[in-house]
Amino acid sequence: MGQFYRYKLPPWCRQWLIIIERCTLPILIFQLIRTLLFPTTFDVFLLGICLGLYVAFYLRWI
Protein backbone atom coordinates (compact mmCIF):
# COMPACT_ATOMS: atom_id res chain seq x y z
CA MET A 1 0.00 0.00 0.00
CA GLY A 2 1.64 3.20 -1.16
CA GLN A 3 1.68 6.39 0.82
CA PHE A 4 -0.45 9.30 -0.38
CA TYR A 5 1.82 12.16 -1.40
CA ARG A 6 -0.14 15.37 -1.90
CA TYR A 7 2.61 17.18 -3.82
CA LYS A 8 2.34 14.75 -6.74
CA LEU A 9 -1.19 15.98 -7.38
CA PRO A 10 -2.00 18.66 -9.96
CA PRO A 11 -1.91 22.24 -8.62
CA TRP A 12 -5.68 22.71 -8.81
CA CYS A 13 -6.24 19.53 -6.79
CA ARG A 14 -3.72 20.59 -4.14
CA GLN A 15 -5.48 23.96 -3.86
CA TRP A 16 -8.82 22.26 -3.21
CA LEU A 17 -7.19 19.99 -0.64
CA ILE A 18 -5.80 23.02 1.21
CA ILE A 19 -9.21 24.75 1.16
CA ILE A 20 -10.94 21.65 2.54
CA GLU A 21 -8.25 21.28 5.20
CA ARG A 22 -8.73 24.88 6.37
CA CYS A 23 -12.55 24.60 6.48
CA THR A 24 -12.65 21.33 8.41
CA LEU A 25 -12.20 22.75 11.94
CA PRO A 26 -14.96 25.42 11.74
CA ILE A 27 -17.38 22.87 10.27
CA LEU A 28 -16.44 20.40 13.02
CA ILE A 29 -17.10 22.99 15.74
CA PHE A 30 -20.44 23.97 14.18
CA GLN A 31 -21.49 20.33 13.90
CA LEU A 32 -20.49 19.67 17.51
CA ILE A 33 -22.64 22.55 18.74
CA ARG A 34 -25.53 21.45 16.54
CA THR A 35 -25.26 17.87 17.81
CA LEU A 36 -25.23 19.02 21.42
CA LEU A 37 -28.34 21.17 20.90
CA PHE A 38 -30.37 18.90 18.58
CA PRO A 39 -29.01 15.35 18.82
CA THR A 40 -30.27 13.12 16.03
CA THR A 41 -28.77 9.98 14.57
CA PHE A 42 -27.82 11.82 11.40
CA ASP A 43 -26.06 14.60 13.35
CA VAL A 44 -24.01 12.10 15.35
CA PHE A 45 -23.09 10.27 12.14
CA LEU A 46 -22.12 13.54 10.43
CA LEU A 47 -20.07 14.58 13.48
CA GLY A 48 -18.18 11.28 13.30
CA ILE A 49 -17.37 11.84 9.63
CA CYS A 50 -16.22 15.41 10.30
CA LEU A 51 -14.09 14.26 13.23
CA GLY A 52 -12.51 11.49 11.16
CA LEU A 53 -11.71 13.92 8.36
CA TYR A 54 -10.18 16.40 10.79
CA VAL A 55 -8.02 13.70 12.41
CA ALA A 56 -6.89 12.49 8.98
CA PHE A 57 -5.76 16.00 8.03
CA TYR A 58 -4.17 16.60 11.46
CA LEU A 59 -2.13 13.39 11.32
CA ARG A 60 -1.22 14.06 7.66
CA TRP A 61 -2.90 10.89 6.37
CA ILE A 62 -4.38 13.02 3.58
C-alpha atoms as a PDB file:
ATOM      1  CA  MET A   1       0.000   0.000   0.000  1.00  0.00           C
ATOM      2  CA  GLY A   2       1.636   3.205  -1.159  1.00  0.00           C
ATOM      3  CA  GLN A   3       1.684   6.395   0.819  1.00  0.00           C
ATOM      4  CA  PHE A   4      -0.453   9.296  -0.383  1.00  0.00           C
ATOM      5  CA  TYR A   5       1.816  12.159  -1.400  1.00  0.00           C
ATOM      6  CA  ARG A   6      -0.142  15.368  -1.904  1.00  0.00           C
ATOM      7  CA  TYR A   7       2.607  17.185  -3.821  1.00  0.00           C
ATOM      8  CA  LYS A   8       2.342  14.747  -6.735  1.00  0.00           C
ATOM      9  CA  LEU A   9      -1.195  15.984  -7.384  1.00  0.00           C
ATOM     10  CA  PRO A  10      -2.003  18.662  -9.961  1.00  0.00           C
ATOM     11  CA  PRO A  11      -1.909  22.237  -8.616  1.00  0.00           C
ATOM     12  CA  TRP A  12      -5.685  22.713  -8.812  1.00  0.00           C
ATOM     13  CA  CYS A  13      -6.240  19.530  -6.792  1.00  0.00           C
ATOM     14  CA  ARG A  14      -3.721  20.587  -4.142  1.00  0.00           C
ATOM     15  CA  GLN A  15      -5.475  23.956  -3.857  1.00  0.00           C
ATOM     16  CA  TRP A  16      -8.823  22.258  -3.208  1.00  0.00           C
ATOM     17  CA  LEU A  17      -7.193  19.991  -0.637  1.00  0.00           C
ATOM     18  CA  ILE A  18      -5.798  23.024   1.213  1.00  0.00           C
ATOM     19  CA  ILE A  19      -9.211  24.746   1.158  1.00  0.00           C
ATOM     20  CA  ILE A  20     -10.941  21.652   2.540  1.00  0.00           C
ATOM     21  CA  GLU A  21      -8.252  21.277   5.200  1.00  0.00           C
ATOM     22  CA  ARG A  22      -8.734  24.878   6.374  1.00  0.00           C
ATOM     23  CA  CYS A  23     -12.545  24.603   6.481  1.00  0.00           C
ATOM     24  CA  THR A  24     -12.652  21.334   8.413  1.00  0.00           C
ATOM     25  CA  LEU A  25     -12.202  22.751  11.938  1.00  0.00           C
ATOM     26  CA  PRO A  26     -14.962  25.423  11.740  1.00  0.00           C
ATOM     27  CA  ILE A  27     -17.376  22.866  10.267  1.00  0.00           C
ATOM     28  CA  LEU A  28     -16.435  20.401  13.025  1.00  0.00           C
ATOM     29  CA  ILE A  29     -17.101  22.993  15.739  1.00  0.00           C
ATOM     30  CA  PHE A  30     -20.437  23.971  14.178  1.00  0.00           C
ATOM     31  CA  GLN A  31     -21.487  20.333  13.896  1.00  0.00           C
ATOM     32  CA  LEU A  32     -20.488  19.665  17.509  1.00  0.00           C
ATOM     33  CA  ILE A  33     -22.644  22.549  18.741  1.00  0.00           C
ATOM     34  CA  ARG A  34     -25.528  21.454  16.537  1.00  0.00           C
ATOM     35  CA  THR A  35     -25.259  17.869  17.807  1.00  0.00           C
ATOM     36  CA  LEU A  36     -25.227  19.022  21.416  1.00  0.00           C
ATOM     37  CA  LEU A  37     -28.343  21.165  20.897  1.00  0.00           C
ATOM     38  CA  PHE A  38     -30.366  18.900  18.575  1.00  0.00           C
ATOM     39  CA  PRO A  39     -29.006  15.347  18.816  1.00  0.00           C
ATOM     40  CA  THR A  40     -30.271  13.121  16.033  1.00  0.00           C
ATOM     41  CA  THR A  41     -28.767   9.981  14.573  1.00  0.00           C
ATOM     42  CA  PHE A  42     -27.815  11.822  11.396  1.00  0.00           C
ATOM     43  CA  ASP A  43     -26.060  14.600  13.347  1.00  0.00           C
ATOM     44  CA  VAL A  44     -24.011  12.104  15.352  1.00  0.00           C
ATOM     45  CA  PHE A  45     -23.085  10.266  12.145  1.00  0.00           C
ATOM     46  CA  LEU A  46     -22.119  13.538  10.435  1.00  0.00           C
ATOM     47  CA  LEU A  47     -20.071  14.581  13.478  1.00  0.00           C
ATOM     48  CA  GLY A  48     -18.184  11.280  13.298  1.00  0.00           C
ATOM     49  CA  ILE A  49     -17.369  11.837   9.630  1.00  0.00           C
ATOM     50  CA  CYS A  50     -16.215  15.415  10.302  1.00  0.00           C
ATOM     51  CA  LEU A  51     -14.088  14.262  13.232  1.00  0.00           C
ATOM     52  CA  GLY A  52     -12.508  11.492  11.164  1.00  0.00           C
ATOM     53  CA  LEU A  53     -11.714  13.921   8.357  1.00  0.00           C
ATOM     54  CA  TYR A  54     -10.177  16.405  10.790  1.00  0.00           C
ATOM     55  CA  VAL A  55      -8.019  13.697  12.411  1.00  0.00           C
ATOM     56  CA  ALA A  56      -6.892  12.488   8.978  1.00  0.00           C
ATOM     57  CA  PHE A  57      -5.760  15.999   8.033  1.00  0.00           C
ATOM     58  CA  TYR A  58      -4.173  16.602  11.455  1.00  0.00           C
ATOM     59  CA  LEU A  59      -2.126  13.393  11.319  1.00  0.00           C
ATOM     60  CA  ARG A  60      -1.216  14.055   7.659  1.00  0.00           C
ATOM     61  CA  TRP A  61      -2.899  10.889   6.367  1.00  0.00           C
ATOM     62  CA  ILE A  62      -4.381  13.022   3.578  1.00  0.00           C
END
